[in-house]
Amino acid sequence: MVAMRLAWFSPLPPDPSGIAAYSADVLPLLESGGWSIDRFVDRPPAADGSNVFNAHDFVWKHQRAPYDLVVYQVGNARWHDYMWAYLAA
């Protein structure tokens, strides 16, 4: 069975956001349920082999191989500002 592909927009730790902490908790659970998840953040960490990408990569990645679902974890802190441009993508 092919894993469903999920694009996840959210700040991630160490960003000081409750949503970042929530995402850190829920993403492993979704992956254990069979989802293949690409995380899209404002500034990804240095290459570490994880599925964390700069949000600017979303458009071409989605056009090349569309995601089955896109999730935006939007809050009212500045850590979420980068997402607005992608909500209509």
PDB file of N, CA and C in Angstrom:
ATOM      1  N   MET A   1       0.841  -1.182   0.000  1.00  0.00           N
ATOM      2  CA  MET A   1       0.000   0.000   0.000  1.00  0.00           C
ATOM      3  C   MET A   1       0.891   1.252   0.000  1.00  0.00           C
ATOM      4  N   VAL A   2       0.552   2.212  -0.842  1.00  0.00           N
ATOM      5  CA  VAL A   2       1.318   3.452  -0.936  1.00  0.00           C
ATOM      6  C   VAL A   2       0.868   4.406   0.170  1.00  0.00           C
ATOM      7  N   ALA A   3       1.826   4.997   0.848  1.00  0.00           N
ATOM      8  CA  ALA A   3       1.505   5.943   1.920  1.00  0.00           C
ATOM      9  C   ALA A   3       0.859   7.194   1.344  1.00  0.00           C
ATOM     10  N   MET A   4      -0.133   7.702   2.041  1.00  0.00           N
ATOM     11  CA  MET A   4      -0.740   8.974   1.662  1.00  0.00           C
ATOM     12  C   MET A   4       0.286  10.068   1.956  1.00  0.00           C
ATOM     13  N   ARG A   5       0.353  11.056   1.063  1.00  0.00           N
ATOM     14  CA  ARG A   5       1.332  12.134   1.194  1.00  0.00           C
ATOM     15  C   ARG A   5       0.660  13.365   1.801  1.00  0.00           C
ATOM     16  N   LEU A   6       1.289  13.910   2.814  1.00  0.00           N
ATOM     17  CA  LEU A   6       0.765  15.053   3.544  1.00  0.00           C
ATOM     18  C   LEU A   6       1.792  16.172   3.557  1.00  0.00           C
ATOM     19  N   ALA A   7       1.358  17.390   3.209  1.00  0.00           N
ATOM     20  CA  ALA A   7       2.185  18.595   3.353  1.00  0.00           C
ATOM     21  C   ALA A   7       1.733  19.278   4.637  1.00  0.00           C
ATOM     22  N   TRP A   8       2.663  19.539   5.536  1.00  0.00           N
ATOM     23  CA  TRP A   8       2.334  20.080   6.864  1.00  0.00           C
ATOM     24  C   TRP A   8       3.041  21.417   7.040  1.00  0.00           C
ATOM     25  N   PHE A   9       2.264  22.499   7.096  1.00  0.00           N
ATOM     26  CA  PHE A   9       2.794  23.837   7.337  1.00  0.00           C
ATOM     27  C   PHE A   9       2.622  24.156   8.811  1.00  0.00           C
ATOM     28  N   SER A  10       3.722  24.358   9.487  1.00  0.00           N
ATOM     29  CA  SER A  10       3.664  24.682  10.908  1.00  0.00           C
ATOM     30  C   SER A  10       5.049  25.084  11.373  1.00  0.00           C
ATOM     31  N   PRO A  11       5.117  26.016  12.335  1.00  0.00           N
ATOM     32  CA  PRO A  11       6.415  26.189  12.981  1.00  0.00           C
ATOM     33  C   PRO A  11       6.720  24.896  13.732  1.00  0.00           C
ATOM     34  N   LEU A  12       7.989  24.637  13.901  1.00  0.00           N
ATOM     35  CA  LEU A  12       8.435  23.459  14.643  1.00  0.00           C
ATOM     36  C   LEU A  12       9.432  23.889  15.697  1.00  0.00           C
ATOM     37  N   PRO A  13       9.606  23.099  16.753  1.00  0.00           N
ATOM     38  CA  PRO A  13      10.622  23.448  17.734  1.00  0.00           C
ATOM     39  C   PRO A  13      11.972  23.627  17.047  1.00  0.00           C
ATOM     40  N   PRO A  14      12.744  24.600  17.451  1.00  0.00           N
ATOM     41  CA  PRO A  14      12.698  25.334  18.715  1.00  0.00           C
ATOM     42  C   PRO A  14      11.866  26.613  18.697  1.00  0.00           C
ATOM     43  N   ASP A  15      11.063  26.865  17.639  1.00  0.00           N
ATOM     44  CA  ASP A  15      10.214  28.065  17.651  1.00  0.00           C
ATOM     45  C   ASP A  15       9.341  28.049  18.902  1.00  0.00           C
ATOM     46  N   PRO A  16       9.284  29.162  19.629  1.00  0.00           N
ATOM     47  CA  PRO A  16       8.528  29.218  20.881  1.00  0.00           C
ATOM     48  C   PRO A  16       7.029  29.394  20.625  1.00  0.00           C
ATOM     49  N   SER A  17       6.399  28.362  20.118  1.00  0.00           N
ATOM     50  CA  SER A  17       4.988  28.409  19.771  1.00  0.00           C
ATOM     51  C   SER A  17       4.313  27.152  20.298  1.00  0.00           C
ATOM     52  N   GLY A  18       3.126  27.310  20.855  1.00  0.00           N
ATOM     53  CA  GLY A  18       2.366  26.147  21.309  1.00  0.00           C
ATOM     54  C   GLY A  18       2.042  25.214  20.151  1.00  0.00           C
ATOM     55  N   ILE A  19       1.793  25.795  18.981  1.00  0.00           N
ATOM     56  CA  ILE A  19       1.492  24.976  17.810  1.00  0.00           C
ATOM     57  C   ILE A  19       2.731  24.203  17.365  1.00  0.00           C
ATOM     58  N   ALA A  20       3.911  24.784  17.524  1.00  0.00           N
ATOM     59  CA  ALA A  20       5.145  24.059  17.213  1.00  0.00           C
ATOM     60  C   ALA A  20       5.261  22.821  18.110  1.00  0.00           C
ATOM     61  N   ALA A  21       4.976  22.993  19.380  1.00  0.00           N
ATOM     62  CA  ALA A  21       5.037  21.863  20.316  1.00  0.00           C
ATOM     63  C   ALA A  21       3.977  20.819  19.971  1.00  0.00           C
ATOM     64  N   TYR A  22       2.772  21.264  19.629  1.00  0.00           N
ATOM     65  CA  TYR A  22       1.703  20.347  19.234  1.00  0.00           C
ATOM     66  C   TYR A  22       2.111  19.556  18.000  1.00  0.00           C
ATOM     67  N   SER A  23       2.673  20.235  17.001  1.00  0.00           N
ATOM     68  CA  SER A  23       3.101  19.555  15.778  1.00  0.00           C
ATOM     69  C   SER A  23       4.166  18.504  16.081  1.00  0.00           C
ATOM     70  N   ALA A  24       5.100  18.849  16.956  1.00  0.00           N
ATOM     71  CA  ALA A  24       6.152  17.902  17.328  1.00  0.00           C
ATOM     72  C   ALA A  24       5.556  16.650  17.965  1.00  0.00           C
ATOM     73  N   ASP A  25       4.446  16.792  18.651  1.00  0.00           N
ATOM     74  CA  ASP A  25       3.787  15.642  19.282  1.00  0.00           C
ATOM     75  C   ASP A  25       2.964  14.823  18.294  1.00  0.00           C
ATOM     76  N   VAL A  26       2.247  15.496  17.400  1.00  0.00           N
ATOM     77  CA  VAL A  26       1.286  14.799  16.533  1.00  0.00           C
ATOM     78  C   VAL A  26       1.916  14.204  15.276  1.00  0.00           C
ATOM     79  N   LEU A  27       2.973  14.816  14.748  1.00  0.00           N
ATOM     80  CA  LEU A  27       3.570  14.311  13.501  1.00  0.00           C
ATOM     81  C   LEU A  27       4.055  12.857  13.603  1.00  0.00           C
ATOM     82  N   PRO A  28       4.754  12.474  14.658  1.00  0.00           N
ATOM     83  CA  PRO A  28       5.166  11.057  14.753  1.00  0.00           C
ATOM     84  C   PRO A  28       3.966  10.105  14.801  1.00  0.00           C
ATOM     85  N   LEU A  29       2.868  10.532  15.411  1.00  0.00           N
ATOM     86  CA  LEU A  29       1.671   9.684  15.462  1.00  0.00           C
ATOM     87  C   LEU A  29       1.072   9.495  14.076  1.00  0.00           C
ATOM     88  N   LEU A  30       1.031  10.571  13.296  1.00  0.00           N
ATOM     89  CA  LEU A  30       0.518  10.466  11.930  1.00  0.00           C
ATOM     90  C   LEU A  30       1.425   9.579  11.081  1.00  0.00           C
ATOM     91  N   GLU A  31       2.722   9.740  11.242  1.00  0.00           N
ATOM     92  CA  GLU A  31       3.654   8.909  10.474  1.00  0.00           C
ATOM     93  C   GLU A  31       3.528   7.433  10.849  1.00  0.00           C
ATOM     94  N   SER A  32       3.301   7.160  12.118  1.00  0.00           N
ATOM     95  CA  SER A  32       3.134   5.759  12.526  1.00  0.00           C
ATOM     96  C   SER A  32       1.827   5.184  11.985  1.00  0.00           C
ATOM     97  N   GLY A  33       0.894   6.074  11.608  1.00  0.00           N
ATOM     98  CA  GLY A  33      -0.363   5.644  11.004  1.00  0.00           C
ATOM     99  C   GLY A  33      -0.273   5.487   9.494  1.00  0.00           C
ATOM    100  N   GLY A  34       0.911   5.666   8.931  1.00  0.00           N
ATOM    101  CA  GLY A  34       1.102   5.415   7.517  1.00  0.00           C
ATOM    102  C   GLY A  34       1.230   6.631   6.625  1.00  0.00           C
ATOM    103  N   TRP A  35       1.160   7.837   7.188  1.00  0.00           N
ATOM    104  CA  TRP A  35       1.323   9.045   6.372  1.00  0.00           C
ATOM    105  C   TRP A  35       2.789   9.296   6.055  1.00  0.00           C
ATOM    106  N   SER A  36       3.054   9.781   4.851  1.00  0.00           N
ATOM    107  CA  SER A  36       4.368  10.288   4.472  1.00  0.00           C
ATOM    108  C   SER A  36       4.255  11.810   4.538  1.00  0.00           C
ATOM    109  N   ILE A  37       5.003  12.445   5.431  1.00  0.00           N
ATOM    110  CA  ILE A  37       4.793  13.859   5.733  1.00  0.00           C
ATOM    111  C   ILE A  37       6.014  14.693   5.389  1.00  0.00           C
ATOM    112  N   ASP A  38       5.787  15.720   4.566  1.00  0.00           N
ATOM    113  CA  ASP A  38       6.784  16.751   4.318  1.00  0.00           C
ATOM    114  C   ASP A  38       6.388  17.963   5.146  1.00  0.00           C
ATOM    115  N   ARG A  39       7.336  18.471   5.924  1.00  0.00           N
ATOM    116  CA  ARG A  39       7.084  19.626   6.794  1.00  0.00           C
ATOM    117  C   ARG A  39       7.606  20.874   6.086  1.00  0.00           C
ATOM    118  N   PHE A  40       6.783  21.923   6.055  1.00  0.00           N
ATOM    119  CA  PHE A  40       7.177  23.169   5.398  1.00  0.00           C
ATOM    120  C   PHE A  40       7.223  24.275   6.444  1.00  0.00           C
ATOM    121  N   VAL A  41       8.410  24.849   6.583  1.00  0.00           N
ATOM    122  CA  VAL A  41       8.667  25.853   7.614  1.00  0.00           C
ATOM    123  C   VAL A  41       9.270  27.102   6.992  1.00  0.00           C
ATOM    124  N   ASP A  42       9.350  28.141   7.797  1.00  0.00           N
ATOM    125  CA  ASP A  42       9.905  29.413   7.320  1.00  0.00           C
ATOM    126  C   ASP A  42      11.395  29.282   7.044  1.00  0.00           C
ATOM    127  N   ARG A  43      12.137  28.727   7.967  1.00  0.00           N
ATOM    128  CA  ARG A  43      13.574  28.534   7.819  1.00  0.00           C
ATOM    129  C   ARG A  43      13.915  27.137   8.302  1.00  0.00           C
ATOM    130  N   PRO A  44      14.156  26.212   7.356  1.00  0.00           N
ATOM    131  CA  PRO A  44      14.472  24.848   7.791  1.00  0.00           C
ATOM    132  C   PRO A  44      15.852  24.772   8.432  1.00  0.00           C
ATOM    133  N   PRO A  45      16.052  23.779   9.262  1.00  0.00           N
ATOM    134  CA  PRO A  45      17.390  23.589   9.841  1.00  0.00           C
ATOM    135  C   PRO A  45      18.363  23.170   8.748  1.00  0.00           C
ATOM    136  N   ALA A  46      19.625  23.181   9.075  1.00  0.00           N
ATOM    137  CA  ALA A  46      20.636  22.701   8.119  1.00  0.00           C
ATOM    138  C   ALA A  46      20.283  21.269   7.731  1.00  0.00           C
ATOM    139  N   ALA A  47      20.696  20.868   6.562  1.00  0.00           N
ATOM    140  CA  ALA A  47      20.366  19.531   6.057  1.00  0.00           C
ATOM    141  C   ALA A  47      20.624  18.478   7.129  1.00  0.00           C
ATOM    142  N   ASP A  48      19.577  17.797   7.515  1.00  0.00           N
ATOM    143  CA  ASP A  48      19.703  16.769   8.547  1.00  0.00           C
ATOM    144  C   ASP A  48      19.043  15.460   8.129  1.00  0.00           C
ATOM    145  N   GLY A  49      18.639  15.359   6.863  1.00  0.00           N
ATOM    146  CA  GLY A  49      18.038  14.131   6.381  1.00  0.00           C
ATOM    147  C   GLY A  49      16.563  13.986   6.686  1.00  0.00           C
ATOM    148  N   SER A  50      15.975  14.967   7.352  1.00  0.00           N
ATOM    149  CA  SER A  50      14.551  14.882   7.674  1.00  0.00           C
ATOM    150  C   SER A  50      13.719  15.447   6.521  1.00  0.00           C
ATOM    151  N   ASN A  51      12.435  15.333   6.641  1.00  0.00           N
ATOM    152  CA  ASN A  51      11.512  15.858   5.623  1.00  0.00           C
ATOM    153  C   ASN A  51      11.075  17.272   5.991  1.00  0.00           C
ATOM    154  N   VAL A  52      12.027  18.134   6.301  1.00  0.00           N
ATOM    155  CA  VAL A  52      11.735  19.528   6.632  1.00  0.00           C
ATOM    156  C   VAL A  52      12.259  20.385   5.490  1.00  0.00           C
ATOM    157  N   PHE A  53      11.345  21.182   4.894  1.00  0.00           N
ATOM    158  CA  PHE A  53      11.670  21.986   3.732  1.00  0.00           C
ATOM    159  C   PHE A  53      11.298  23.436   3.942  1.00  0.00           C
ATOM    160  N   ASN A  54      11.974  24.300   3.195  1.00  0.00           N
ATOM    161  CA  ASN A  54      11.583  25.701   3.153  1.00  0.00           C
ATOM    162  C   ASN A  54      10.215  25.778   2.484  1.00  0.00           C
ATOM    163  N   ALA A  55       9.344  26.630   2.979  1.00  0.00           N
ATOM    164  CA  ALA A  55       8.000  26.754   2.413  1.00  0.00           C
ATOM    165  C   ALA A  55       8.026  27.071   0.927  1.00  0.00           C
ATOM    166  N   HIS A  56       9.054  27.761   0.470  1.00  0.00           N
ATOM    167  CA  HIS A  56       9.154  28.100  -0.958  1.00  0.00           C
ATOM    168  C   HIS A  56       9.240  26.851  -1.835  1.00  0.00           C
ATOM    169  N   ASP A  57       9.647  25.738  -1.277  1.00  0.00           N
ATOM    170  CA  ASP A  57       9.734  24.492  -2.043  1.00  0.00           C
ATOM    171  C   ASP A  57       8.374  23.830  -2.262  1.00  0.00           C
ATOM    172  N   PHE A  58       7.374  24.262  -1.519  1.00  0.00           N
ATOM    173  CA  PHE A  58       6.058  23.615  -1.611  1.00  0.00           C
ATOM    174  C   PHE A  58       5.472  23.671  -3.019  1.00  0.00           C
ATOM    175  N   VAL A  59       5.516  24.820  -3.663  1.00  0.00           N
ATOM    176  CA  VAL A  59       4.845  24.988  -4.954  1.00  0.00           C
ATOM    177  C   VAL A  59       5.376  24.003  -5.981  1.00  0.00           C
ATOM    178  N   TRP A  60       6.685  23.924  -6.156  1.00  0.00           N
ATOM    179  CA  TRP A  60       7.213  23.005  -7.165  1.00  0.00           C
ATOM    180  C   TRP A  60       7.055  21.552  -6.761  1.00  0.00           C
ATOM    181  N   LYS A  61       7.184  21.252  -5.455  1.00  0.00           N
ATOM    182  CA  LYS A  61       7.004  19.873  -5.016  1.00  0.00           C
ATOM    183  C   LYS A  61       5.554  19.422  -5.222  1.00  0.00           C
ATOM    184  N   HIS A  62       4.614  20.308  -4.960  1.00  0.00           N
ATOM    185  CA  HIS A  62       3.196  19.974  -5.112  1.00  0.00           C
ATOM    186  C   HIS A  62       2.822  19.830  -6.588  1.00  0.00           C
ATOM    187  N   GLN A  63       3.412  20.638  -7.455  1.00  0.00           N
ATOM    188  CA  GLN A  63       3.146  20.512  -8.887  1.00  0.00           C
ATOM    189  C   GLN A  63       3.745  19.225  -9.449  1.00  0.00           C
ATOM    190  N   ARG A  64       4.915  18.869  -8.988  1.00  0.00           N
ATOM    191  CA  ARG A  64       5.597  17.668  -9.484  1.00  0.00           C
ATOM    192  C   ARG A  64       4.890  16.394  -9.033  1.00  0.00           C
ATOM    193  N   ALA A  65       4.472  16.352  -7.773  1.00  0.00           N
ATOM    194  CA  ALA A  65       3.800  15.178  -7.203  1.00  0.00           C
ATOM    195  C   ALA A  65       2.798  15.691  -6.167  1.00  0.00           C
ATOM    196  N   PRO A  66       1.547  15.921  -6.587  1.00  0.00           N
ATOM    197  CA  PRO A  66       0.563  16.530  -5.688  1.00  0.00           C
ATOM    198  C   PRO A  66       0.384  15.766  -4.368  1.00  0.00           C
ATOM    199  N   TYR A  67       0.243  16.535  -3.321  1.00  0.00           N
ATOM    200  CA  TYR A  67      -0.012  15.963  -2.002  1.00  0.00           C
ATOM    201  C   TYR A  67      -1.472  15.550  -1.911  1.00  0.00           C
ATOM    202  N   ASP A  68      -1.742  14.532  -1.118  1.00  0.00           N
ATOM    203  CA  ASP A  68      -3.114  14.088  -0.898  1.00  0.00           C
ATOM    204  C   ASP A  68      -3.857  15.042   0.030  1.00  0.00           C
ATOM    205  N   LEU A  69      -3.111  15.697   0.904  1.00  0.00           N
ATOM    206  CA  LEU A  69      -3.712  16.613   1.879  1.00  0.00           C
ATOM    207  C   LEU A  69      -2.670  17.652   2.265  1.00  0.00           C
ATOM    208  N   VAL A  70      -3.114  18.905   2.445  1.00  0.00           N
ATOM    209  CA  VAL A  70      -2.245  19.977   2.923  1.00  0.00           C
ATOM    210  C   VAL A  70      -2.859  20.514   4.217  1.00  0.00           C
ATOM    211  N   VAL A  71      -2.060  20.568   5.270  1.00  0.00           N
ATOM    212  CA  VAL A  71      -2.522  21.055   6.572  1.00  0.00           C
ATOM    213  C   VAL A  71      -1.753  22.319   6.921  1.00  0.00           C
ATOM    214  N   TYR A  72      -2.484  23.349   7.327  1.00  0.00           N
ATOM    215  CA  TYR A  72      -1.887  24.614   7.764  1.00  0.00           C
ATOM    216  C   TYR A  72      -2.219  24.802   9.232  1.00  0.00           C
ATOM    217  N   GLN A  73      -1.220  24.794  10.076  1.00  0.00           N
ATOM    218  CA  GLN A  73      -1.396  25.041  11.502  1.00  0.00           C
ATOM    219  C   GLN A  73      -1.126  26.523  11.731  1.00  0.00           C
ATOM    220  N   VAL A  74      -2.166  27.336  11.606  1.00  0.00           N
ATOM    221  CA  VAL A  74      -2.019  28.785  11.642  1.00  0.00           C
ATOM    222  C   VAL A  74      -2.390  29.323  13.016  1.00  0.00           C
ATOM    223  N   GLY A  75      -1.511  30.141  13.542  1.00  0.00           N
ATOM    224  CA  GLY A  75      -1.764  30.808  14.802  1.00  0.00           C
ATOM    225  C   GLY A  75      -1.586  32.310  14.629  1.00  0.00           C
ATOM    226  N   ASN A  76      -1.646  33.050  15.718  1.00  0.00           N
ATOM    227  CA  ASN A  76      -1.554  34.506  15.622  1.00  0.00           C
ATOM    228  C   ASN A  76      -0.178  35.046  16.022  1.00  0.00           C
ATOM    229  N   ALA A  77       0.817  34.189  16.104  1.00  0.00           N
ATOM    230  CA  ALA A  77       2.174  34.632  16.407  1.00  0.00           C
ATOM    231  C   ALA A  77       2.953  34.819  15.111  1.00  0.00           C
ATOM    232  N   ARG A  78       4.015  35.572  15.157  1.00  0.00           N
ATOM    233  CA  ARG A  78       4.792  35.862  13.956  1.00  0.00           C
ATOM    234  C   ARG A  78       5.394  34.613  13.321  1.00  0.00           C
ATOM    235  N   TRP A  79       5.491  33.530  14.054  1.00  0.00           N
ATOM    236  CA  TRP A  79       6.054  32.279  13.538  1.00  0.00           C
ATOM    237  C   TRP A  79       5.180  31.674  12.429  1.00  0.00           C
ATOM    238  N   HIS A  80       3.974  32.178  12.287  1.00  0.00           N
ATOM    239  CA  HIS A  80       3.027  31.628  11.313  1.00  0.00           C
ATOM    240  C   HIS A  80       2.866  32.515  10.078  1.00  0.00           C
ATOM    241  N   ASP A  81       3.466  33.679  10.082  1.00  0.00           N
ATOM    242  CA  ASP A  81       3.268  34.645   8.992  1.00  0.00           C
ATOM    243  C   ASP A  81       3.636  34.100   7.614  1.00  0.00           C
ATOM    244  N   TYR A  82       4.640  33.256   7.531  1.00  0.00           N
ATOM    245  CA  TYR A  82       5.109  32.767   6.230  1.00  0.00           C
ATOM    246  C   TYR A  82       4.066  31.944   5.474  1.00  0.00           C
ATOM    247  N   MET A  83       3.081  31.401   6.174  1.00  0.00           N
ATOM    248  CA  MET A  83       2.105  30.491   5.565  1.00  0.00           C
ATOM    249  C   MET A  83       1.085  31.168   4.677  1.00  0.00           C
ATOM    250  N   TRP A  84       0.787  32.431   4.922  1.00  0.00           N
ATOM    251  CA  TRP A  84      -0.328  33.089   4.237  1.00  0.00           C
ATOM    252  C   TRP A  84      -0.201  33.022   2.725  1.00  0.00           C
ATOM    253  N   ALA A  85       0.971  33.118   2.193  1.00  0.00           N
ATOM    254  CA  ALA A  85       1.153  33.096   0.741  1.00  0.00           C
ATOM    255  C   ALA A  85       0.822  31.734   0.127  1.00  0.00           C
ATOM    256  N   TYR A  86       0.782  30.694   0.925  1.00  0.00           N
ATOM    257  CA  TYR A  86       0.574  29.340   0.409  1.00  0.00           C
ATOM    258  C   TYR A  86      -0.838  28.813   0.637  1.00  0.00           C
ATOM    259  N   LEU A  87      -1.663  29.551   1.332  1.00  0.00           N
ATOM    260  CA  LEU A  87      -3.010  29.080   1.625  1.00  0.00           C
ATOM    261  C   LEU A  87      -3.863  28.885   0.373  1.00  0.00           C
ATOM    262  N   ALA A  88      -3.563  29.600  -0.692  1.00  0.00           N
ATOM    263  CA  ALA A  88      -4.338  29.471  -1.924  1.00  0.00           C
ATOM    264  C   ALA A  88      -3.593  28.668  -2.998  1.00  0.00           C
ATOM    265  N   ALA A  89      -2.451  28.103  -2.642  1.00  0.00           N
ATOM    266  CA  ALA A  89      -1.643  27.368  -3.639  1.00  0.00           C
ATOM    267  C   ALA A  89      -2.306  26.061  -4.032  1.00  0.00           C
TER     268      ALA A  89
END
